[in-house]
Amino acid sequence: MRVLFVSDTHLGFDLPARPLVERCRRGPDFFAGVERALEAARRGEADVVVHGGDLLYRSRVPASLVQRALQPLLRLAEAGVDVVLVPGNHERSAVPRPLLAVHPRLHVLHGPSCFAIERHGLRVAFAGFPYARGVRRTFAGLLAATGYRRAEADARVLCIHQCVEGAVCGPPPGFTFRDGDDVVRARDLPSDVAVVLCGHVHRHQVLRRDLAGRPLPAPVVYAGSVERTSFAERDETKGFVMATIGAGGPGGRLEACEFRPLPARPMRVHEVAESADASRLEREIRAAIASAPADVVLQLRVGEALAGAEALRAARLRAMAPPTAHVTVAVRRYPSHFASQSRTSR
């Protein structure tokens, strides 16, 4: 069975219904990423689509945004492709306006659940549960509550939106999730599933061994996000995963796992020299913008002494940057700490 796995789309981010300022918005980037990812399913390359959570950027959103976000998934369901949707932490573990997500082929994990889907003579059980806080304590109970072991199937897939021990995020060398309350223990993963499809961590990675180097009970696949959501992700390649599930063993097997990259908006950071004064600041900003791609998301990092400079005002940044660029200011308050400011080219 061919499974297209996409996750952390954060639809609605930087996409206000009634914008007060006309500027470059990043919201369309995220919708474009979803459409590009799902194109493979529309071409018939996938039997099932799994969305690993954080479909939306937050839980309290208008019905119009929920409807727009669900439309690509519902179109696939109408075309005969089964879709499994895991509510993430940004939805507060529940899809808003749930009646908009009603379709016999759209399987939303409103709680611990299991759905069996058959294609090409292979019956696969897709089990999982919404994002759970304190999952380190509750994982075993939530897994059992899905009833996945009772499902009559040739293979099983676990779909969750959690941090798993060993997952890495952030710029190199990265942060490794180990023993927090919201981190799933590697040894608690089931051995009778073909794969764990996991959302929540925005970097694509495949975990096959625990922190001690021992093989995991089942491989854990993170698709990552479809767009860069923070400067910590500026060097990450974004995309989705095509996986092939087959029979064999106690829970089936992962026969293939292919990461497919997607275009993502470039991100750059420019450190403004501590010695820079207001008179040369604008020239430095213009030079930083000119040396970056036209569609860049550019962060200017400045010291507190420059925080009130005229060149850093939102209107001035918009005048200097091309209409496709997105320039943000971060103020250097401590040697390694930056406080994001609202003055941007947005």
Protein backbone atom coordinates (compact mmCIF):
# COMPACT_ATOMS: atom_id res chain seq x y z
CA MET A 1 0.00 0.00 0.00
CA ARG A 2 1.34 3.43 -0.99
CA VAL A 3 1.02 6.11 1.69
CA LEU A 4 1.64 9.81 1.23
CA PHE A 5 2.63 11.31 4.58
CA VAL A 6 2.50 15.08 5.12
CA SER A 7 2.51 17.00 8.36
CA ASP A 8 2.69 20.34 10.17
CA THR A 9 1.15 22.48 7.46
CA HIS A 10 0.14 25.28 9.89
CA LEU A 11 -2.46 26.69 7.52
CA GLY A 12 -3.67 30.17 8.42
CA PHE A 13 -0.29 31.35 9.68
CA ASP A 14 0.27 35.01 8.69
CA LEU A 15 -3.01 35.09 6.76
CA PRO A 16 -5.39 37.53 8.50
CA ALA A 17 -8.94 37.74 7.19
CA ARG A 18 -8.87 41.55 7.35
CA PRO A 19 -5.26 42.73 7.05
CA LEU A 20 -4.60 46.23 8.34
CA VAL A 21 -1.42 46.66 6.28
CA GLU A 22 -0.77 45.62 2.69
CA ARG A 23 2.50 43.70 2.70
CA CYS A 24 4.08 40.40 1.74
CA ARG A 25 2.29 37.59 3.60
CA ARG A 26 3.68 34.12 4.24
CA GLY A 27 0.25 32.51 4.54
CA PRO A 28 -0.03 31.59 0.84
CA ASP A 29 3.34 29.76 1.06
CA PHE A 30 1.84 27.17 3.40
CA PHE A 31 -1.25 26.56 1.26
CA ALA A 32 1.00 26.23 -1.80
CA GLY A 33 3.15 23.68 0.04
CA VAL A 34 0.10 21.54 0.79
CA GLU A 35 -1.08 21.63 -2.81
CA ARG A 36 2.37 20.64 -4.07
CA ALA A 37 2.62 17.78 -1.58
CA LEU A 38 -0.80 16.38 -2.43
CA GLU A 39 -0.21 16.56 -6.18
CA ALA A 40 1.35 13.09 -6.05
CA ALA A 41 -1.88 11.70 -4.59
CA ARG A 42 -3.94 13.49 -7.22
CA ARG A 43 -1.77 11.81 -9.87
CA GLY A 44 -2.68 8.43 -8.42
CA GLU A 45 0.66 7.72 -6.70
CA ALA A 46 -0.91 7.19 -3.24
CA ASP A 47 -3.64 4.90 -1.93
CA VAL A 48 -3.84 6.67 1.42
CA VAL A 49 -2.85 10.13 2.65
CA VAL A 50 -1.88 10.61 6.29
CA HIS A 51 -1.72 14.13 7.71
CA GLY A 52 0.39 13.98 10.86
CA GLY A 53 -1.11 16.95 12.68
CA ASP A 54 -1.07 20.74 12.97
CA LEU A 55 -3.20 21.15 9.89
CA LEU A 56 -3.97 24.64 11.23
CA TYR A 57 -1.75 27.18 12.93
CA ARG A 58 -4.02 27.44 15.99
CA SER A 59 -7.29 26.11 17.38
CA ARG A 60 -9.52 29.20 17.44
CA VAL A 61 -10.00 30.08 13.79
CA PRO A 62 -12.97 31.08 11.63
CA ALA A 63 -15.01 28.41 9.89
CA SER A 64 -13.90 29.79 6.52
CA LEU A 65 -10.25 28.92 7.29
CA VAL A 66 -11.15 25.41 8.49
CA GLN A 67 -13.16 24.86 5.31
CA ARG A 68 -10.32 26.13 3.11
CA ALA A 69 -7.75 23.99 4.93
CA LEU A 70 -9.85 20.84 4.64
CA GLN A 71 -10.75 21.29 0.97
CA PRO A 72 -7.60 19.63 -0.50
CA LEU A 73 -8.14 16.60 1.77
CA LEU A 74 -11.86 16.41 1.03
CA ARG A 75 -11.20 16.57 -2.72
CA LEU A 76 -8.92 13.55 -2.39
CA ALA A 77 -11.56 11.74 -0.33
CA GLU A 78 -14.14 12.48 -3.04
CA ALA A 79 -11.71 11.03 -5.60
CA GLY A 80 -11.53 7.76 -3.63
CA VAL A 81 -8.32 8.32 -1.65
CA ASP A 82 -8.64 7.58 2.06
CA VAL A 83 -7.27 10.32 4.30
CA VAL A 84 -6.21 9.94 7.94
CA LEU A 85 -5.98 13.18 9.94
CA VAL A 86 -4.27 13.42 13.34
CA PRO A 87 -5.19 16.53 15.39
CA GLY A 88 -2.03 18.20 16.67
CA ASN A 89 -1.13 20.53 19.49
CA HIS A 90 -1.86 23.64 17.44
CA GLU A 91 -5.46 22.42 17.10
CA ARG A 92 -5.41 21.62 20.83
CA SER A 93 -5.93 17.95 19.95
CA ALA A 94 -9.22 18.52 18.10
CA VAL A 95 -10.12 19.71 14.60
CA PRO A 96 -12.20 22.90 14.90
CA ARG A 97 -15.68 22.82 13.34
CA PRO A 98 -15.65 19.01 13.15
CA LEU A 99 -18.80 18.86 11.02
CA LEU A 100 -16.78 20.36 8.15
CA ALA A 101 -14.55 17.26 8.25
CA VAL A 102 -17.33 14.69 7.83
CA HIS A 103 -16.71 12.33 4.92
CA PRO A 104 -16.66 8.51 4.86
CA ARG A 105 -13.09 8.51 3.51
CA LEU A 106 -11.76 11.24 5.82
CA HIS A 107 -10.80 9.49 9.06
CA VAL A 108 -10.20 12.03 11.84
CA LEU A 109 -8.64 10.70 15.04
CA HIS A 110 -10.98 12.44 17.47
CA GLY A 111 -9.67 10.08 20.17
CA PRO A 112 -7.73 6.81 20.27
CA SER A 113 -8.97 5.13 17.08
CA CYS A 114 -8.21 2.51 14.46
CA PHE A 115 -9.37 2.39 10.82
CA ALA A 116 -8.79 -0.54 8.45
CA ILE A 117 -8.27 0.33 4.79
CA GLU A 118 -7.89 -2.24 2.01
CA ARG A 119 -6.10 -1.67 -1.30
CA HIS A 120 -4.60 -4.10 -3.82
CA GLY A 121 -5.57 -7.07 -1.65
CA LEU A 122 -3.71 -5.69 1.37
CA ARG A 123 -5.62 -4.65 4.49
CA VAL A 124 -3.81 -2.08 6.65
CA ALA A 125 -4.97 -0.81 10.04
CA PHE A 126 -4.19 2.87 10.70
CA ALA A 127 -4.28 3.58 14.42
CA GLY A 128 -3.46 6.60 16.53
CA PHE A 129 -4.65 9.35 18.82
CA PRO A 130 -4.61 13.18 18.95
CA TYR A 131 -1.69 15.06 20.48
CA ALA A 132 -1.45 14.25 24.21
CA ARG A 133 0.30 16.31 26.87
CA GLY A 134 2.29 14.31 29.40
CA VAL A 135 2.41 11.46 26.89
CA ARG A 136 5.36 9.82 28.61
CA ARG A 137 2.97 8.64 31.34
CA THR A 138 -0.06 7.94 29.18
CA PHE A 139 1.37 6.54 25.95
CA ALA A 140 0.82 2.85 26.77
CA GLY A 141 -2.80 3.45 27.76
CA LEU A 142 -3.56 5.59 24.71
CA LEU A 143 -1.98 3.02 22.42
CA ALA A 144 -4.03 0.20 23.96
CA ALA A 145 -7.20 2.30 23.71
CA THR A 146 -6.84 2.46 19.90
CA GLY A 147 -7.63 -1.27 19.77
CA TYR A 148 -5.13 -1.70 16.96
CA ARG A 149 -4.20 -5.23 18.02
CA ARG A 150 -7.81 -6.37 17.58
CA ALA A 151 -7.98 -5.11 14.01
CA GLU A 152 -8.03 -7.79 11.31
CA ALA A 153 -5.24 -6.57 9.08
CA ASP A 154 -2.14 -7.65 7.16
CA ALA A 155 -0.18 -4.65 8.46
CA ARG A 156 -0.57 -1.86 10.99
CA VAL A 157 0.55 1.78 11.01
CA LEU A 158 0.66 4.03 14.07
CA CYS A 159 -0.09 7.72 13.39
CA ILE A 160 0.73 10.23 16.15
CA HIS A 161 1.76 13.85 16.71
CA GLN A 162 4.41 13.65 19.42
CA CYS A 163 8.10 13.99 20.20
CA VAL A 164 9.87 10.63 20.32
CA GLU A 165 13.19 10.00 22.10
CA GLY A 166 16.03 10.65 19.70
CA ALA A 167 14.21 13.11 17.43
CA VAL A 168 16.25 16.21 16.62
CA CYS A 169 15.24 19.78 15.89
CA GLY A 170 16.87 23.19 15.59
CA PRO A 171 19.99 24.45 13.84
CA PRO A 172 23.12 22.22 13.94
CA PRO A 173 24.10 20.48 16.12
CA GLY A 174 20.43 20.51 17.05
CA PHE A 175 18.43 19.67 20.15
CA THR A 176 17.72 16.00 20.87
CA PHE A 177 14.52 15.04 22.68
CA ARG A 178 15.31 12.72 25.58
CA ASP A 179 13.31 12.40 28.77
CA GLY A 180 10.70 15.18 29.00
CA ASP A 181 7.09 14.61 30.08
CA ASP A 182 5.97 15.19 26.49
CA VAL A 183 8.50 12.78 24.96
CA VAL A 184 7.57 9.19 24.08
CA ARG A 185 10.04 6.60 25.38
CA ALA A 186 11.64 4.64 22.58
CA ARG A 187 11.11 1.37 24.45
CA ASP A 188 7.36 2.04 24.68
CA LEU A 189 6.91 2.02 20.91
CA PRO A 190 5.03 -1.04 19.66
CA SER A 191 6.89 -3.78 17.83
CA ASP A 192 3.81 -5.02 15.98
CA VAL A 193 3.43 -2.08 13.58
CA ALA A 194 5.18 -1.55 10.28
CA VAL A 195 6.01 2.09 10.99
CA VAL A 196 5.20 5.04 13.22
CA LEU A 197 4.24 8.11 11.16
CA CYS A 198 4.85 11.06 13.42
CA GLY A 199 4.18 14.78 13.27
CA HIS A 200 5.20 17.64 15.58
CA VAL A 201 8.95 17.87 14.86
CA HIS A 202 9.48 20.03 11.77
CA ARG A 203 12.68 18.40 10.52
CA HIS A 204 12.35 15.35 8.26
CA GLN A 205 14.09 12.34 9.82
CA VAL A 206 13.78 8.60 10.15
CA LEU A 207 14.57 7.11 13.56
CA ARG A 208 15.69 3.48 13.56
CA ARG A 209 17.76 3.32 16.77
CA ASP A 210 17.31 4.59 20.31
CA LEU A 211 19.71 6.87 22.17
CA ALA A 212 21.81 3.88 23.21
CA GLY A 213 22.12 2.66 19.63
CA ARG A 214 19.67 -0.24 19.96
CA PRO A 215 17.17 -0.89 17.13
CA LEU A 216 13.75 0.66 17.72
CA PRO A 217 10.73 -1.66 17.91
CA ALA A 218 9.48 0.08 14.73
CA PRO A 219 10.94 2.85 12.55
CA VAL A 220 9.68 6.35 13.32
CA VAL A 221 9.24 8.65 10.31
CA TYR A 222 8.87 12.41 10.58
CA ALA A 223 7.79 14.10 7.35
CA GLY A 224 8.67 17.51 8.78
CA SER A 225 6.78 20.68 7.86
CA VAL A 226 5.93 21.86 4.35
CA GLU A 227 7.39 25.33 4.96
CA ARG A 228 9.96 26.96 7.23
CA THR A 229 8.10 28.28 10.25
CA SER A 230 11.01 29.78 12.22
CA PHE A 231 14.63 30.83 11.73
CA ALA A 232 15.70 27.67 13.56
CA GLU A 233 14.57 25.85 10.38
CA ARG A 234 16.29 28.12 7.88
CA ASP A 235 18.72 25.43 6.68
CA GLU A 236 16.21 22.56 6.62
CA THR A 237 14.83 21.05 3.43
CA LYS A 238 11.05 20.82 3.56
CA GLY A 239 8.86 18.20 1.93
CA PHE A 240 6.75 15.09 2.41
CA VAL A 241 7.21 11.32 2.49
CA MET A 242 6.05 8.53 0.20
CA ALA A 243 6.01 5.21 2.07
CA THR A 244 5.16 1.69 0.93
CA ILE A 245 3.63 -0.70 3.46
CA GLY A 246 3.72 -4.47 2.93
CA ALA A 247 2.72 -7.63 4.77
CA GLY A 248 5.08 -9.74 6.85
CA GLY A 249 6.15 -10.02 10.46
CA PRO A 250 3.90 -9.25 13.43
CA GLY A 251 2.68 -5.89 12.07
CA GLY A 252 3.75 -5.70 8.45
CA ARG A 253 6.85 -3.94 7.20
CA LEU A 254 8.00 -0.65 5.77
CA GLU A 255 9.16 -1.63 2.29
CA ALA A 256 10.14 1.84 1.08
CA CYS A 257 10.40 5.36 2.47
CA GLU A 258 11.15 8.23 0.09
CA PHE A 259 11.46 11.87 1.12
CA ARG A 260 10.36 14.29 -1.59
CA PRO A 261 11.56 17.89 -1.20
CA LEU A 262 9.30 20.88 -1.74
CA PRO A 263 10.22 24.46 -2.64
CA ALA A 264 10.44 26.60 0.51
CA ARG A 265 10.92 30.30 1.02
CA PRO A 266 14.61 31.12 1.71
CA MET A 267 15.51 32.48 5.15
CA ARG A 268 18.52 34.62 6.00
CA VAL A 269 19.87 36.23 9.18
CA HIS A 270 21.92 39.43 9.04
CA GLU A 271 23.85 40.45 12.15
CA VAL A 272 24.12 44.23 12.27
CA ALA A 273 27.47 45.27 13.75
CA GLU A 274 27.34 46.57 17.32
CA SER A 275 29.31 49.58 16.15
CA ALA A 276 26.78 50.49 13.45
CA ASP A 277 25.26 53.94 13.88
CA ALA A 278 22.00 55.31 12.56
CA SER A 279 23.71 57.10 9.66
CA ARG A 280 25.08 53.89 8.11
CA LEU A 281 22.31 51.53 9.27
CA GLU A 282 20.07 52.10 6.26
CA ARG A 283 22.94 51.47 3.85
CA GLU A 284 23.71 48.20 5.61
CA ILE A 285 20.07 47.12 5.51
CA ARG A 286 19.79 47.93 1.81
CA ALA A 287 22.95 45.94 1.12
CA ALA A 288 21.65 42.95 3.10
CA ILE A 289 18.36 43.03 1.17
CA ALA A 290 20.11 43.41 -2.18
CA SER A 291 22.37 40.40 -1.55
CA ALA A 292 19.45 38.10 -0.63
CA PRO A 293 16.91 36.35 -2.89
CA ALA A 294 13.95 38.54 -3.85
CA ASP A 295 11.51 36.35 -1.90
CA VAL A 296 13.67 36.13 1.23
CA VAL A 297 12.52 36.09 4.84
CA LEU A 298 15.28 38.25 6.30
CA GLN A 299 15.90 38.77 10.01
CA LEU A 300 17.94 41.81 11.03
CA ARG A 301 19.60 41.32 14.42
CA VAL A 302 20.46 44.61 16.09
CA GLY A 303 21.65 45.81 19.47
CA GLU A 304 19.37 47.70 21.85
CA ALA A 305 21.09 50.99 21.05
CA LEU A 306 19.71 50.78 17.49
CA ALA A 307 16.26 49.47 18.37
CA GLY A 308 14.55 52.83 17.88
CA ALA A 309 16.31 53.76 14.65
CA GLU A 310 14.20 55.28 11.89
CA ALA A 311 15.54 52.74 9.37
CA LEU A 312 14.01 49.89 11.42
CA ARG A 313 10.48 51.24 11.41
CA ALA A 314 7.97 49.00 9.62
CA ALA A 315 7.06 51.57 6.97
CA ARG A 316 10.72 52.24 6.21
CA LEU A 317 11.52 48.53 5.89
CA ARG A 318 8.59 48.08 3.50
CA ALA A 319 9.91 50.93 1.38
CA MET A 320 13.40 49.40 1.19
CA ALA A 321 12.42 45.75 0.59
CA PRO A 322 10.97 44.33 -2.63
CA PRO A 323 7.24 43.47 -2.40
CA THR A 324 8.06 39.74 -2.30
CA ALA A 325 10.43 40.00 0.67
CA HIS A 326 9.62 39.69 4.36
CA VAL A 327 11.99 41.56 6.72
CA THR A 328 11.89 41.09 10.50
CA VAL A 329 13.78 42.84 13.29
CA ALA A 330 15.15 41.06 16.35
CA VAL A 331 16.74 43.07 19.17
CA ARG A 332 19.87 41.68 20.82
CA ARG A 333 19.12 42.00 24.55
CA TYR A 334 21.71 39.53 25.85
CA PRO A 335 24.70 37.90 24.09
CA SER A 336 22.66 34.88 22.97
CA HIS A 337 19.07 36.13 23.28
CA PHE A 338 16.95 37.94 20.73
CA ALA A 339 13.51 39.42 21.28
CA SER A 340 11.42 39.54 18.11
CA GLN A 341 9.90 42.90 17.35
CA SER A 342 6.67 43.80 15.60
CA ARG A 343 8.43 46.26 13.30
CA THR A 344 8.76 44.40 10.05
CA SER A 345 8.31 44.87 6.33
CA ARG A 346 5.09 42.91 6.63
